[in-house]
């Protein structure tokens, strides 16, 4: 099963700081972080986390 989380913040560092509790939560549920990507909107950095869990 694949799940994605999207984090918005002003900078890449703030995105990474916001993502740490999310990554820990998903790892406790048995998910593995399989992909990350940064993109930029006019006001935000958008950090997309993709998690995968083997069924």
Protein backbone atom coordinates (compact mmCIF):
# COMPACT_ATOMS: atom_id res chain seq x y z
CA UNK A 1 0.00 0.00 0.00
CA UNK A 2 1.32 3.45 -0.91
CA UNK A 3 0.60 6.63 1.03
CA UNK A 4 1.74 10.19 0.39
CA UNK A 5 2.07 13.15 2.70
CA UNK A 6 2.53 16.74 1.53
CA UNK A 7 4.26 19.28 3.74
CA UNK A 8 4.30 23.01 3.01
CA UNK A 9 6.75 25.44 4.59
CA UNK A 10 8.74 28.55 3.73
CA UNK A 11 12.09 26.77 3.33
CA UNK A 12 13.49 23.29 2.71
CA UNK A 13 14.91 23.13 6.24
CA UNK A 14 11.50 23.86 7.76
CA UNK A 15 9.93 21.17 5.55
CA UNK A 16 12.47 18.64 6.78
CA UNK A 17 11.87 19.60 10.43
CA UNK A 18 8.10 19.24 9.96
CA UNK A 19 8.54 15.86 8.27
CA UNK A 20 10.45 14.11 11.09
CA UNK A 21 7.40 13.30 13.29
CA UNK A 22 5.45 12.14 10.23
CA UNK A 23 8.26 9.80 9.17
CA UNK A 24 8.48 8.39 12.71
CA UNK A 25 4.71 7.82 12.85
CA UNK A 26 4.62 5.96 9.53
CA UNK A 27 7.67 3.86 10.42
CA UNK A 28 5.91 2.71 13.61
CA UNK A 29 2.98 1.62 11.41
CA UNK A 30 5.33 -0.47 9.23
CA UNK A 31 5.75 1.91 6.31
CA UNK A 32 9.10 2.61 4.63
CA UNK A 33 9.95 6.00 3.12
CA UNK A 34 10.45 5.18 -0.56
CA UNK A 35 10.62 8.60 -2.26
CA UNK A 36 10.82 12.32 -1.50
CA UNK A 37 10.59 15.36 -3.72
CA UNK A 38 10.71 19.12 -3.35
CA UNK A 39 8.80 21.54 -5.54
CA UNK A 40 8.23 25.25 -5.31
CA UNK A 41 5.04 27.25 -5.49
CA UNK A 42 5.12 31.05 -5.48
CA UNK A 43 4.95 31.20 -1.67
CA UNK A 44 5.87 27.72 -0.38
CA UNK A 45 8.32 24.88 -0.62
CA UNK A 46 6.31 21.70 -1.05
CA UNK A 47 7.85 18.47 0.24
CA UNK A 48 6.16 15.27 -0.89
CA UNK A 49 6.88 12.08 1.06
CA UNK A 50 5.93 8.71 -0.42
CA UNK A 51 5.65 5.73 1.90
CA UNK A 52 5.31 2.08 0.92
CA UNK A 53 4.14 -0.88 2.97
CA UNK A 54 4.45 -4.47 1.89
CA UNK A 55 1.19 -6.34 2.33
